[in-house]
PDB file of N, CA and C in Angstrom:
ATOM      1  N   MET A   1      29.836 106.202   3.495  1.00  0.00           N
ATOM      2  CA  MET A   1      30.785 107.047   2.810  1.00  0.00           C
ATOM      3  C   MET A   1      30.017 108.149   2.079  1.00  0.00           C
ATOM      4  N   SER A   2      30.388 109.394   2.312  1.00  0.00           N
ATOM      5  CA  SER A   2      29.664 110.481   1.664  1.00  0.00           C
ATOM      6  C   SER A   2      30.324 110.844   0.336  1.00  0.00           C
ATOM      7  N   GLU A   3      29.522 111.380  -0.529  1.00  0.00           N
ATOM      8  CA  GLU A   3      29.966 111.745  -1.866  1.00  0.00           C
ATOM      9  C   GLU A   3      30.460 113.189  -1.876  1.00  0.00           C
ATOM     10  N   THR A   4      31.531 113.431  -2.624  1.00  0.00           N
ATOM     11  CA  THR A   4      32.026 114.788  -2.808  1.00  0.00           C
ATOM     12  C   THR A   4      31.984 115.123  -4.291  1.00  0.00           C
ATOM     13  N   LYS A   5      32.017 116.405  -4.572  1.00  0.00           N
ATOM     14  CA  LYS A   5      32.061 116.858  -5.960  1.00  0.00           C
ATOM     15  C   LYS A   5      32.823 118.175  -6.008  1.00  0.00           C
ATOM     16  N   THR A   6      33.532 118.381  -7.110  1.00  0.00           N
ATOM     17  CA  THR A   6      34.359 119.567  -7.290  1.00  0.00           C
ATOM     18  C   THR A   6      33.710 120.505  -8.302  1.00  0.00           C
ATOM     19  N   TYR A   7      33.747 121.792  -7.973  1.00  0.00           N
ATOM     20  CA  TYR A   7      33.134 122.833  -8.799  1.00  0.00           C
ATOM     21  C   TYR A   7      34.119 123.982  -8.982  1.00  0.00           C
ATOM     22  N   PRO A   8      34.008 124.723 -10.088  1.00  0.00           N
ATOM     23  CA  PRO A   8      34.815 125.935 -10.244  1.00  0.00           C
ATOM     24  C   PRO A   8      34.454 126.950  -9.152  1.00  0.00           C
ATOM     25  N   ILE A   9      35.424 127.762  -8.740  1.00  0.00           N
ATOM     26  CA  ILE A   9      35.147 128.711  -7.657  1.00  0.00           C
ATOM     27  C   ILE A   9      34.059 129.706  -8.015  1.00  0.00           C
ATOM     28  N   GLY A  10      33.959 130.105  -9.271  1.00  0.00           N
ATOM     29  CA  GLY A  10      32.907 131.040  -9.669  1.00  0.00           C
ATOM     30  C   GLY A  10      31.520 130.465  -9.461  1.00  0.00           C
ATOM     31  N   VAL A  11      31.376 129.181  -9.685  1.00  0.00           N
ATOM     32  CA  VAL A  11      30.095 128.501  -9.472  1.00  0.00           C
ATOM     33  C   VAL A  11      29.805 128.432  -7.974  1.00  0.00           C
ATOM     34  N   ALA A  12      30.787 127.992  -7.206  1.00  0.00           N
ATOM     35  CA  ALA A  12      30.594 127.878  -5.753  1.00  0.00           C
ATOM     36  C   ALA A  12      30.296 129.230  -5.124  1.00  0.00           C
ATOM     37  N   LEU A  13      31.008 130.266  -5.546  1.00  0.00           N
ATOM     38  CA  LEU A  13      30.741 131.603  -5.003  1.00  0.00           C
ATOM     39  C   LEU A  13      29.376 132.124  -5.443  1.00  0.00           C
ATOM     40  N   SER A  14      28.936 131.775  -6.644  1.00  0.00           N
ATOM     41  CA  SER A  14      27.593 132.168  -7.092  1.00  0.00           C
ATOM     42  C   SER A  14      26.531 131.533  -6.197  1.00  0.00           C
ATOM     43  N   VAL A  15      26.684 130.245  -5.938  1.00  0.00           N
ATOM     44  CA  VAL A  15      25.715 129.524  -5.102  1.00  0.00           C
ATOM     45  C   VAL A  15      25.736 130.064  -3.673  1.00  0.00           C
ATOM     46  N   ALA A  16      26.924 130.291  -3.142  1.00  0.00           N
ATOM     47  CA  ALA A  16      27.046 130.720  -1.746  1.00  0.00           C
ATOM     48  C   ALA A  16      26.620 132.165  -1.526  1.00  0.00           C
ATOM     49  N   SER A  17      26.839 133.021  -2.514  1.00  0.00           N
ATOM     50  CA  SER A  17      26.554 134.454  -2.330  1.00  0.00           C
ATOM     51  C   SER A  17      25.185 134.871  -2.849  1.00  0.00           C
ATOM     52  N   GLY A  18      24.596 134.063  -3.741  1.00  0.00           N
ATOM     53  CA  GLY A  18      23.341 134.463  -4.352  1.00  0.00           C
ATOM     54  C   GLY A  18      23.525 135.454  -5.486  1.00  0.00           C
ATOM     55  N   LYS A  19      24.760 135.673  -5.910  1.00  0.00           N
ATOM     56  CA  LYS A  19      25.057 136.574  -7.022  1.00  0.00           C
ATOM     57  C   LYS A  19      25.611 135.744  -8.172  1.00  0.00           C
ATOM     58  N   PHE A  20      25.105 135.986  -9.356  1.00  0.00           N
ATOM     59  CA  PHE A  20      25.516 135.197 -10.521  1.00  0.00           C
ATOM     60  C   PHE A  20      26.860 135.719 -11.025  1.00  0.00           C
ATOM     61  N   LEU A  21      27.929 134.962 -10.758  1.00  0.00           N
ATOM     62  CA  LEU A  21      29.286 135.407 -11.049  1.00  0.00           C
ATOM     63  C   LEU A  21      29.993 134.602 -12.128  1.00  0.00           C
ATOM     64  N   CYS A  22      29.446 133.460 -12.498  1.00  0.00           N
ATOM     65  CA  CYS A  22      30.231 132.523 -13.305  1.00  0.00           C
ATOM     66  C   CYS A  22      29.895 132.488 -14.779  1.00  0.00           C
ATOM     67  N   GLY A  23      28.808 133.068 -15.211  1.00  0.00           N
ATOM     68  CA  GLY A  23      28.474 133.084 -16.622  1.00  0.00           C
ATOM     69  C   GLY A  23      27.869 131.807 -17.166  1.00  0.00           C
ATOM     70  N   ASP A  24      27.645 130.793 -16.348  1.00  0.00           N
ATOM     71  CA  ASP A  24      27.064 129.541 -16.823  1.00  0.00           C
ATOM     72  C   ASP A  24      26.007 129.061 -15.826  1.00  0.00           C
ATOM     73  N   PHE A  25      24.757 129.437 -16.090  1.00  0.00           N
ATOM     74  CA  PHE A  25      23.676 129.089 -15.176  1.00  0.00           C
ATOM     75  C   PHE A  25      23.534 127.580 -15.005  1.00  0.00           C
ATOM     76  N   SER A  26      23.806 126.811 -16.059  1.00  0.00           N
ATOM     77  CA  SER A  26      23.637 125.360 -15.956  1.00  0.00           C
ATOM     78  C   SER A  26      24.551 124.769 -14.885  1.00  0.00           C
ATOM     79  N   LEU A  27      25.750 125.330 -14.711  1.00  0.00           N
ATOM     80  CA  LEU A  27      26.654 124.842 -13.663  1.00  0.00           C
ATOM     81  C   LEU A  27      26.150 125.223 -12.268  1.00  0.00           C
ATOM     82  N   VAL A  28      25.571 126.407 -12.142  1.00  0.00           N
ATOM     83  CA  VAL A  28      24.985 126.813 -10.856  1.00  0.00           C
ATOM     84  C   VAL A  28      23.814 125.888 -10.526  1.00  0.00           C
ATOM     85  N   HIS A  29      22.955 125.639 -11.501  1.00  0.00           N
ATOM     86  CA  HIS A  29      21.814 124.749 -11.299  1.00  0.00           C
ATOM     87  C   HIS A  29      22.288 123.350 -10.914  1.00  0.00           C
ATOM     88  N   GLU A  30      23.344 122.870 -11.575  1.00  0.00           N
ATOM     89  CA  GLU A  30      23.897 121.548 -11.263  1.00  0.00           C
ATOM     90  C   GLU A  30      24.387 121.484  -9.820  1.00  0.00           C
ATOM     91  N   MET A  31      25.100 122.516  -9.376  1.00  0.00           N
ATOM     92  CA  MET A  31      25.617 122.503  -8.010  1.00  0.00           C
ATOM     93  C   MET A  31      24.474 122.551  -6.996  1.00  0.00           C
ATOM     94  N   VAL A  32      23.483 123.391  -7.242  1.00  0.00           N
ATOM     95  CA  VAL A  32      22.335 123.466  -6.330  1.00  0.00           C
ATOM     96  C   VAL A  32      21.646 122.110  -6.252  1.00  0.00           C
ATOM     97  N   THR A  33      21.445 121.471  -7.388  1.00  0.00           N
ATOM     98  CA  THR A  33      20.809 120.153  -7.422  1.00  0.00           C
ATOM     99  C   THR A  33      21.653 119.119  -6.677  1.00  0.00           C
ATOM    100  N   ASP A  34      22.962 119.141  -6.922  1.00  0.00           N
ATOM    101  CA  ASP A  34      23.845 118.181  -6.252  1.00  0.00           C
ATOM    102  C   ASP A  34      23.838 118.373  -4.738  1.00  0.00           C
ATOM    103  N   VAL A  35      23.945 119.601  -4.292  1.00  0.00           N
ATOM    104  CA  VAL A  35      23.998 119.875  -2.854  1.00  0.00           C
ATOM    105  C   VAL A  35      22.637 119.607  -2.206  1.00  0.00           C
ATOM    106  N   ALA A  36      21.553 119.933  -2.895  1.00  0.00           N
ATOM    107  CA  ALA A  36      20.222 119.660  -2.349  1.00  0.00           C
ATOM    108  C   ALA A  36      19.970 118.157  -2.251  1.00  0.00           C
ATOM    109  N   GLY A  37      20.492 117.410  -3.215  1.00  0.00           N
ATOM    110  CA  GLY A  37      20.334 115.963  -3.183  1.00  0.00           C
ATOM    111  C   GLY A  37      19.053 115.459  -3.819  1.00  0.00           C
ATOM    112  N   TRP A  38      18.373 116.308  -4.572  1.00  0.00           N
ATOM    113  CA  TRP A  38      17.157 115.923  -5.277  1.00  0.00           C
ATOM    114  C   TRP A  38      17.014 116.814  -6.500  1.00  0.00           C
ATOM    115  N   PRO A  39      16.186 116.416  -7.466  1.00  0.00           N
ATOM    116  CA  PRO A  39      16.076 117.196  -8.707  1.00  0.00           C
ATOM    117  C   PRO A  39      15.434 118.565  -8.474  1.00  0.00           C
ATOM    118  N   VAL A  40      16.248 119.587  -8.478  1.00  0.00           N
ATOM    119  CA  VAL A  40      15.786 120.959  -8.265  1.00  0.00           C
ATOM    120  C   VAL A  40      15.326 121.535  -9.597  1.00  0.00           C
ATOM    121  N   MET A  41      14.098 122.022  -9.621  1.00  0.00           N
ATOM    122  CA  MET A  41      13.620 122.730 -10.808  1.00  0.00           C
ATOM    123  C   MET A  41      14.083 124.181 -10.693  1.00  0.00           C
ATOM    124  N   THR A  42      14.246 124.837 -11.813  1.00  0.00           N
ATOM    125  CA  THR A  42      14.799 126.193 -11.760  1.00  0.00           C
ATOM    126  C   THR A  42      13.950 127.121 -10.900  1.00  0.00           C
ATOM    127  N   HIS A  43      12.634 126.984 -10.897  1.00  0.00           N
ATOM    128  CA  HIS A  43      11.824 127.879 -10.070  1.00  0.00           C
ATOM    129  C   HIS A  43      12.042 127.613  -8.573  1.00  0.00           C
ATOM    130  N   HIS A  44      12.500 126.428  -8.209  1.00  0.00           N
ATOM    131  CA  HIS A  44      12.828 126.172  -6.800  1.00  0.00           C
ATOM    132  C   HIS A  44      13.960 127.087  -6.340  1.00  0.00           C
ATOM    133  N   MET A  45      14.813 127.505  -7.270  1.00  0.00           N
ATOM    134  CA  MET A  45      15.955 128.343  -6.907  1.00  0.00           C
ATOM    135  C   MET A  45      15.529 129.745  -6.488  1.00  0.00           C
ATOM    136  N   ALA A  46      14.255 130.080  -6.647  1.00  0.00           N
ATOM    137  CA  ALA A  46      13.732 131.342  -6.134  1.00  0.00           C
ATOM    138  C   ALA A  46      13.335 131.212  -4.658  1.00  0.00           C
ATOM    139  N   SER A  47      13.448 130.018  -4.102  1.00  0.00           N
ATOM    140  CA  SER A  47      13.087 129.765  -2.705  1.00  0.00           C
ATOM    141  C   SER A  47      14.244 130.135  -1.780  1.00  0.00           C
ATOM    142  N   ASP A  48      13.998 131.083  -0.889  1.00  0.00           N
ATOM    143  CA  ASP A  48      15.010 131.453   0.104  1.00  0.00           C
ATOM    144  C   ASP A  48      15.359 130.264   0.990  1.00  0.00           C
ATOM    145  N   GLU A  49      14.375 129.435   1.292  1.00  0.00           N
ATOM    146  CA  GLU A  49      14.602 128.263   2.139  1.00  0.00           C
ATOM    147  C   GLU A  49      15.651 127.332   1.506  1.00  0.00           C
ATOM    148  N   LEU A  50      15.458 127.018   0.237  1.00  0.00           N
ATOM    149  CA  LEU A  50      16.393 126.132  -0.453  1.00  0.00           C
ATOM    150  C   LEU A  50      17.760 126.787  -0.621  1.00  0.00           C
ATOM    151  N   MET A  51      17.770 127.977  -1.175  1.00  0.00           N
ATOM    152  CA  MET A  51      19.053 128.602  -1.501  1.00  0.00           C
ATOM    153  C   MET A  51      19.836 128.958  -0.234  1.00  0.00           C
ATOM    154  N   GLY A  52      19.144 129.298   0.825  1.00  0.00           N
ATOM    155  CA  GLY A  52      19.831 129.558   2.089  1.00  0.00           C
ATOM    156  C   GLY A  52      20.486 128.304   2.638  1.00  0.00           C
ATOM    157  N   ALA A  53      19.784 127.175   2.555  1.00  0.00           N
ATOM    158  CA  ALA A  53      20.335 125.905   3.052  1.00  0.00           C
ATOM    159  C   ALA A  53      21.506 125.436   2.193  1.00  0.00           C
ATOM    160  N   VAL A  54      21.392 125.583   0.876  1.00  0.00           N
ATOM    161  CA  VAL A  54      22.476 125.186  -0.020  1.00  0.00           C
ATOM    162  C   VAL A  54      23.691 126.080   0.217  1.00  0.00           C
ATOM    163  N   ALA A  55      23.463 127.387   0.294  1.00  0.00           N
ATOM    164  CA  ALA A  55      24.568 128.327   0.535  1.00  0.00           C
ATOM    165  C   ALA A  55      25.258 128.020   1.861  1.00  0.00           C
ATOM    166  N   ALA A  56      24.482 127.780   2.902  1.00  0.00           N
ATOM    167  CA  ALA A  56      25.062 127.490   4.219  1.00  0.00           C
ATOM    168  C   ALA A  56      25.927 126.239   4.173  1.00  0.00           C
ATOM    169  N   ARG A  57      25.473 125.231   3.448  1.00  0.00           N
ATOM    170  CA  ARG A  57      26.238 123.985   3.341  1.00  0.00           C
ATOM    171  C   ARG A  57      27.574 124.235   2.634  1.00  0.00           C
ATOM    172  N   VAL A  58      27.563 125.033   1.591  1.00  0.00           N
ATOM    173  CA  VAL A  58      28.795 125.327   0.853  1.00  0.00           C
ATOM    174  C   VAL A  58      29.725 126.199   1.700  1.00  0.00           C
ATOM    175  N   ILE A  59      29.199 127.258   2.273  1.00  0.00           N
ATOM    176  CA  ILE A  59      30.013 128.191   3.068  1.00  0.00           C
ATOM    177  C   ILE A  59      30.672 127.474   4.238  1.00  0.00           C
ATOM    178  N   ALA A  60      29.947 126.574   4.881  1.00  0.00           N
ATOM    179  CA  ALA A  60      30.486 125.859   6.042  1.00  0.00           C
ATOM    180  C   ALA A  60      31.676 124.979   5.688  1.00  0.00           C
ATOM    181  N   GLN A  61      31.786 124.596   4.420  1.00  0.00           N
ATOM    182  CA  GLN A  61      32.842 123.658   4.031  1.00  0.00           C
ATOM    183  C   GLN A  61      34.060 124.313   3.380  1.00  0.00           C
ATOM    184  N   VAL A  62      33.958 125.567   3.032  1.00  0.00           N
ATOM    185  CA  VAL A  62      35.057 126.242   2.333  1.00  0.00           C
ATOM    186  C   VAL A  62      35.562 127.356   3.243  1.00  0.00           C
ATOM    187  N   GLN A  63      36.694 127.109   3.867  1.00  0.00           N
ATOM    188  CA  GLN A  63      37.204 127.978   4.926  1.00  0.00           C
ATOM    189  C   GLN A  63      37.316 129.441   4.516  1.00  0.00           C
ATOM    190  N   TRP A  64      37.759 129.725   3.323  1.00  0.00           N
ATOM    191  CA  TRP A  64      37.979 131.103   2.892  1.00  0.00           C
ATOM    192  C   TRP A  64      36.726 131.800   2.374  1.00  0.00           C
ATOM    193  N   MET A  65      35.653 131.054   2.127  1.00  0.00           N
ATOM    194  CA  MET A  65      34.484 131.619   1.462  1.00  0.00           C
ATOM    195  C   MET A  65      33.757 132.710   2.261  1.00  0.00           C
ATOM    196  N   PRO A  66      33.563 132.591   3.568  1.00  0.00           N
ATOM    197  CA  PRO A  66      32.879 133.683   4.271  1.00  0.00           C
ATOM    198  C   PRO A  66      33.580 135.030   4.092  1.00  0.00           C
ATOM    199  N   GLY A  67      34.898 135.033   4.161  1.00  0.00           N
ATOM    200  CA  GLY A  67      35.638 136.284   3.972  1.00  0.00           C
ATOM    201  C   GLY A  67      35.519 136.809   2.554  1.00  0.00           C
ATOM    202  N   ALA A  68      35.534 135.904   1.571  1.00  0.00           N
ATOM    203  CA  ALA A  68      35.398 136.330   0.175  1.00  0.00           C
ATOM    204  C   ALA A  68      34.029 136.964  -0.061  1.00  0.00           C
ATOM    205  N   ILE A  69      32.990 136.369   0.496  1.00  0.00           N
ATOM    206  CA  ILE A  69      31.646 136.913   0.317  1.00  0.00           C
ATOM    207  C   ILE A  69      31.518 138.245   1.048  1.00  0.00           C
ATOM    208  N   GLU A  70      32.031 138.298   2.251  1.00  0.00           N
ATOM    209  CA  GLU A  70      31.955 139.532   3.038  1.00  0.00           C
ATOM    210  C   GLU A  70      32.683 140.680   2.349  1.00  0.00           C
ATOM    211  N   ASN A  71      33.778 140.387   1.674  1.00  0.00           N
ATOM    212  CA  ASN A  71      34.583 141.413   1.018  1.00  0.00           C
ATOM    213  C   ASN A  71      34.356 141.485  -0.488  1.00  0.00           C
ATOM    214  N   MET A  72      33.264 140.916  -0.955  1.00  0.00           N
ATOM    215  CA  MET A  72      32.947 140.941  -2.382  1.00  0.00           C
ATOM    216  C   MET A  72      32.697 142.379  -2.827  1.00  0.00           C
ATOM    217  N   PRO A  73      33.327 142.792  -3.903  1.00  0.00           N
ATOM    218  CA  PRO A  73      33.092 144.160  -4.395  1.00  0.00           C
ATOM    219  C   PRO A  73      31.636 144.370  -4.813  1.00  0.00           C
ATOM    220  N   ASP A  74      31.237 145.620  -4.811  1.00  0.00           N
ATOM    221  CA  ASP A  74      29.915 145.995  -5.304  1.00  0.00           C
ATOM    222  C   ASP A  74      30.097 146.492  -6.737  1.00  0.00           C
ATOM    223  N   TRP A  75      29.717 145.655  -7.679  1.00  0.00           N
ATOM    224  CA  TRP A  75      29.898 146.001  -9.078  1.00  0.00           C
ATOM    225  C   TRP A  75      28.701 146.750  -9.648  1.00  0.00           C
ATOM    226  N   SER A  76      27.703 147.058  -8.842  1.00  0.00           N
ATOM    227  CA  SER A  76      26.461 147.650  -9.358  1.00  0.00           C
ATOM    228  C   SER A  76      26.657 149.044  -9.942  1.00  0.00           C
ATOM    229  N   LYS A  77      27.688 149.733  -9.543  1.00  0.00           N
ATOM    230  CA  LYS A  77      27.904 151.096 -10.033  1.00  0.00           C
ATOM    231  C   LYS A  77      28.910 151.151 -11.189  1.00  0.00           C
ATOM    232  N   TRP A  78      29.433 149.994 -11.569  1.00  0.00           N
ATOM    233  CA  TRP A  78      30.403 149.942 -12.669  1.00  0.00           C
ATOM    234  C   TRP A  78      29.668 150.091 -13.999  1.00  0.00           C
ATOM    235  N   PRO A  79      30.305 150.687 -14.981  1.00  0.00           N
ATOM    236  CA  PRO A  79      29.702 150.735 -16.326  1.00  0.00           C
ATOM    237  C   PRO A  79      29.509 149.311 -16.860  1.00  0.00           C
ATOM    238  N   ASP A  80      28.415 149.083 -17.547  1.00  0.00           N
ATOM    239  CA  ASP A  80      28.065 147.745 -18.022  1.00  0.00           C
ATOM    240  C   ASP A  80      29.204 147.029 -18.731  1.00  0.00           C
ATOM    241  N   GLY A  81      29.942 147.694 -19.533  1.00  0.00           N
ATOM    242  CA  GLY A  81      30.997 147.056 -20.297  1.00  0.00           C
ATOM    243  C   GLY A  81      32.189 146.603 -19.478  1.00  0.00           C
ATOM    244  N   HIS A  82      32.235 146.979 -18.205  1.00  0.00           N
ATOM    245  CA  HIS A  82      33.396 146.667 -17.367  1.00  0.00           C
ATOM    246  C   HIS A  82      33.106 145.657 -16.259  1.00  0.00           C
ATOM    247  N   VAL A  83      31.854 145.364 -16.025  1.00  0.00           N
ATOM    248  CA  VAL A  83      31.481 144.510 -14.894  1.00  0.00           C
ATOM    249  C   VAL A  83      32.047 143.105 -15.032  1.00  0.00           C
ATOM    250  N   GLN A  84      31.852 142.471 -16.180  1.00  0.00           N
ATOM    251  CA  GLN A  84      32.313 141.085 -16.333  1.00  0.00           C
ATOM    252  C   GLN A  84      33.821 140.988 -16.178  1.00  0.00           C
ATOM    253  N   ALA A  85      34.558 141.933 -16.721  1.00  0.00           N
ATOM    254  CA  ALA A  85      36.023 141.917 -16.589  1.00  0.00           C
ATOM    255  C   ALA A  85      36.429 142.087 -15.128  1.00  0.00           C
ATOM    256  N   ALA A  86      35.719 142.931 -14.393  1.00  0.00           N
ATOM    257  CA  ALA A  86      36.027 143.142 -12.975  1.00  0.00           C
ATOM    258  C   ALA A  86      35.728 141.883 -12.158  1.00  0.00           C
ATOM    259  N   ILE A  87      34.620 141.229 -12.453  1.00  0.00           N
ATOM    260  CA  ILE A  87      34.281 139.987 -11.751  1.00  0.00           C
ATOM    261  C   ILE A  87      35.326 138.919 -12.059  1.00  0.00           C
ATOM    262  N   THR A  88      35.702 138.793 -13.324  1.00  0.00           N
ATOM    263  CA  THR A  88      36.712 137.815 -13.719  1.00  0.00           C
ATOM    264  C   THR A  88      38.037 138.086 -13.016  1.00  0.00           C
ATOM    265  N   ALA A  89      38.445 139.339 -12.937  1.00  0.00           N
ATOM    266  CA  ALA A  89      39.698 139.689 -12.254  1.00  0.00           C
ATOM    267  C   ALA A  89      39.616 139.332 -10.772  1.00  0.00           C
ATOM    268  N   TRP A  90      38.475 139.575 -10.143  1.00  0.00           N
ATOM    269  CA  TRP A  90      38.294 139.242  -8.725  1.00  0.00           C
ATOM    270  C   TRP A  90      38.373 137.730  -8.521  1.00  0.00           C
ATOM    271  N   LEU A  91      37.685 136.964  -9.389  1.00  0.00           N
ATOM    272  CA  LEU A  91      37.735 135.503  -9.294  1.00  0.00           C
ATOM    273  C   LEU A  91      39.158 134.988  -9.543  1.00  0.00           C
ATOM    274  N   ASP A  92      39.874 135.619 -10.474  1.00  0.00           N
ATOM    275  CA  ASP A  92      41.257 135.216 -10.747  1.00  0.00           C
ATOM    276  C   ASP A  92      42.154 135.424  -9.525  1.00  0.00           C
ATOM    277  N   ARG A  93      41.935 136.520  -8.792  1.00  0.00           N
ATOM    278  CA  ARG A  93      42.725 136.767  -7.564  1.00  0.00           C
ATOM    279  C   ARG A  93      42.433 135.697  -6.512  1.00  0.00           C
ATOM    280  N   ILE A  94      41.168 135.327  -6.380  1.00  0.00           N
ATOM    281  CA  ILE A  94      40.807 134.281  -5.411  1.00  0.00           C
ATOM    282  C   ILE A  94      41.412 132.946  -5.844  1.00  0.00           C
ATOM    283  N   ALA A  95      41.329 132.641  -7.138  1.00  0.00           N
ATOM    284  CA  ALA A  95      41.893 131.390  -7.657  1.00  0.00           C
ATOM    285  C   ALA A  95      43.397 131.336  -7.444  1.00  0.00           C
ATOM    286  N   ALA A  96      44.078 132.463  -7.600  1.00  0.00           N
ATOM    287  CA  ALA A  96      45.529 132.495  -7.401  1.00  0.00           C
ATOM    288  C   ALA A  96      45.892 132.176  -5.956  1.00  0.00           C
ATOM    289  N   GLU A  97      45.027 132.568  -5.035  1.00  0.00           N
ATOM    290  CA  GLU A  97      45.309 132.337  -3.616  1.00  0.00           C
ATOM    291  C   GLU A  97      44.829 130.976  -3.123  1.00  0.00           C
ATOM    292  N   TYR A  98      43.662 130.522  -3.602  1.00  0.00           N
ATOM    293  CA  TYR A  98      43.043 129.318  -3.035  1.00  0.00           C
ATOM    294  C   TYR A  98      42.857 128.167  -4.020  1.00  0.00           C
ATOM    295  N   GLY A  99      43.121 128.400  -5.282  1.00  0.00           N
ATOM    296  CA  GLY A  99      42.894 127.386  -6.301  1.00  0.00           C
ATOM    297  C   GLY A  99      41.632 127.688  -7.083  1.00  0.00           C
ATOM    298  N   SER A 100      41.503 127.082  -8.248  1.00  0.00           N
ATOM    299  CA  SER A 100      40.394 127.416  -9.144  1.00  0.00           C
ATOM    300  C   SER A 100      39.138 126.584  -8.908  1.00  0.00           C
ATOM    301  N   THR A 101      39.209 125.619  -7.992  1.00  0.00           N
ATOM    302  CA  THR A 101      38.038 124.787  -7.702  1.00  0.00           C
ATOM    303  C   THR A 101      37.874 124.607  -6.196  1.00  0.00           C
ATOM    304  N   VAL A 102      36.678 124.195  -5.820  1.00  0.00           N
ATOM    305  CA  VAL A 102      36.413 123.778  -4.442  1.00  0.00           C
ATOM    306  C   VAL A 102      35.717 122.425  -4.497  1.00  0.00           C
ATOM    307  N   THR A 103      35.991 121.604  -3.509  1.00  0.00           N
ATOM    308  CA  THR A 103      35.333 120.305  -3.394  1.00  0.00           C
ATOM    309  C   THR A 103      34.455 120.340  -2.160  1.00  0.00           C
ATOM    310  N   VAL A 104      33.205 119.965  -2.336  1.00  0.00           N
ATOM    311  CA  VAL A 104      32.272 119.959  -1.211  1.00  0.00           C
ATOM    312  C   VAL A 104      31.717 118.559  -1.005  1.00  0.00           C
ATOM    313  N   ASP A 105      31.460 118.265   0.241  1.00  0.00           N
ATOM    314  CA  ASP A 105      30.788 117.033   0.634  1.00  0.00           C
ATOM    315  C   ASP A 105      29.299 117.293   0.446  1.00  0.00           C
ATOM    316  N   LEU A 106      28.663 116.493  -0.378  1.00  0.00           N
ATOM    317  CA  LEU A 106      27.256 116.727  -0.695  1.00  0.00           C
ATOM    318  C   LEU A 106      26.339 116.395   0.469  1.00  0.00           C
ATOM    319  N   GLY A 107      26.754 115.514   1.355  1.00  0.00           N
ATOM    320  CA  GLY A 107      25.983 115.216   2.562  1.00  0.00           C
ATOM    321  C   GLY A 107      24.637 114.591   2.261  1.00  0.00           C
ATOM    322  N   ASP A 108      23.825 114.528   3.288  1.00  0.00           N
ATOM    323  CA  ASP A 108      22.475 113.982   3.155  1.00  0.00           C
ATOM    324  C   ASP A 108      21.596 114.964   2.388  1.00  0.00           C
ATOM    325  N   PRO A 109      20.584 114.470   1.692  1.00  0.00           N
ATOM    326  CA  PRO A 109      19.690 115.377   0.967  1.00  0.00           C
ATOM    327  C   PRO A 109      19.016 116.371   1.906  1.00  0.00           C
ATOM    328  N   LEU A 110      18.823 117.571   1.416  1.00  0.00           N
ATOM    329  CA  LEU A 110      18.055 118.573   2.146  1.00  0.00           C
ATOM    330  C   LEU A 110      16.576 118.211   2.056  1.00  0.00           C
ATOM    331  N   PRO A 111      15.755 118.731   2.960  1.00  0.00           N
ATOM    332  CA  PRO A 111      14.317 118.452   2.846  1.00  0.00           C
ATOM    333  C   PRO A 111      13.789 118.960   1.502  1.00  0.00           C
ATOM    334  N   PRO A 112      13.023 118.128   0.796  1.00  0.00           N
ATOM    335  CA  PRO A 112      12.517 118.559  -0.516  1.00  0.00           C
ATOM    336  C   PRO A 112      11.467 119.660  -0.374  1.00  0.00           C
ATOM    337  N   LEU A 113      11.375 120.454  -1.419  1.00  0.00           N
ATOM    338  CA  LEU A 113      10.350 121.492  -1.472  1.00  0.00           C
ATOM    339  C   LEU A 113       9.142 120.963  -2.224  1.00  0.00           C
ATOM    340  N   GLY A 114       8.026 121.624  -2.048  1.00  0.00           N
ATOM    341  CA  GLY A 114       6.843 121.279  -2.826  1.00  0.00           C
ATOM    342  C   GLY A 114       7.057 121.615  -4.290  1.00  0.00           C
ATOM    343  N   LEU A 115       6.271 121.020  -5.134  1.00  0.00           N
ATOM    344  CA  LEU A 115       6.410 121.185  -6.570  1.00  0.00           C
ATOM    345  C   LEU A 115       6.396 122.652  -7.003  1.00  0.00           C
ATOM    346  N   LEU A 116       5.584 123.467  -6.370  1.00  0.00           N
ATOM    347  CA  LEU A 116       5.422 124.865  -6.795  1.00  0.00           C
ATOM    348  C   LEU A 116       6.240 125.851  -5.975  1.00  0.00           C
ATOM    349  N   ALA A 117       7.020 125.365  -5.026  1.00  0.00           N
ATOM    350  CA  ALA A 117       7.805 126.261  -4.167  1.00  0.00           C
ATOM    351  C   ALA A 117       8.724 127.129  -5.006  1.00  0.00           C
ATOM    352  N   GLY A 118       8.786 128.381  -4.655  1.00  0.00           N
ATOM    353  CA  GLY A 118       9.627 129.339  -5.351  1.00  0.00           C
ATOM    354  C   GLY A 118       8.864 130.167  -6.364  1.00  0.00           C
ATOM    355  N   LEU A 119       7.768 129.634  -6.881  1.00  0.00           N
ATOM    356  CA  LEU A 119       7.012 130.366  -7.898  1.00  0.00           C
ATOM    357  C   LEU A 119       6.462 131.684  -7.371  1.00  0.00           C
ATOM    358  N   GLU A 120       6.201 131.741  -6.093  1.00  0.00           N
ATOM    359  CA  GLU A 120       5.639 132.970  -5.525  1.00  0.00           C
ATOM    360  C   GLU A 120       6.605 134.150  -5.638  1.00  0.00           C
ATOM    361  N   HIS A 121       7.887 133.870  -5.841  1.00  0.00           N
ATOM    362  CA  HIS A 121       8.868 134.947  -5.944  1.00  0.00           C
ATOM    363  C   HIS A 121       9.203 135.340  -7.374  1.00  0.00           C
ATOM    364  N   LEU A 122       8.831 134.525  -8.318  1.00  0.00           N
ATOM    365  CA  LEU A 122       9.190 134.807  -9.706  1.00  0.00           C
ATOM    366  C   LEU A 122       8.469 136.054 -10.184  1.00  0.00           C
ATOM    367  N   GLY A 123       9.194 136.915 -10.854  1.00  0.00           N
ATOM    368  CA  GLY A 123       8.635 138.140 -11.386  1.00  0.00           C
ATOM    369  C   GLY A 123       8.569 139.277 -10.393  1.00  0.00           C
ATOM    370  N   SER A 124       9.025 139.036  -9.162  1.00  0.00           N
ATOM    371  CA  SER A 124       9.014 140.117  -8.171  1.00  0.00           C
ATOM    372  C   SER A 124      10.450 140.494  -7.821  1.00  0.00           C
ATOM    373  N   PRO A 125      10.699 141.769  -7.570  1.00  0.00           N
ATOM    374  CA  PRO A 125      12.061 142.165  -7.190  1.00  0.00           C
ATOM    375  C   PRO A 125      12.430 141.575  -5.841  1.00  0.00           C
ATOM    376  N   ARG A 126      13.680 141.204  -5.689  1.00  0.00           N
ATOM    377  CA  ARG A 126      14.149 140.588  -4.445  1.00  0.00           C
ATOM    378  C   ARG A 126      15.116 141.489  -3.769  1.00  0.00           C
TER     379      ARG A 126
END
């Protein structure tokens, strides 16, 4: 029997898209750790290998998520004071259509990374 867990859509979309949308890093870290199936250190989250596998697992299980990510607005040109409100409004529209949470099957653990994996990317633009 596999384990499932439910997360707010902002957290799931943050994990799946690689964009921080939810305002609570601890929830993103929790979801990455849960989906990976082993204790993920924050520097591991700089690993494309890990985050790509976690994102793929989430996207594959949430039918509407590929379209949401593909049609995600580009908030980079918005004035700083308006970005969070715009993201919240976008998440609210998705929640109105699909619900405010998603449940994912955590599945088997992903292959673990080495202790220092991800550190090579810290401090460099991505």
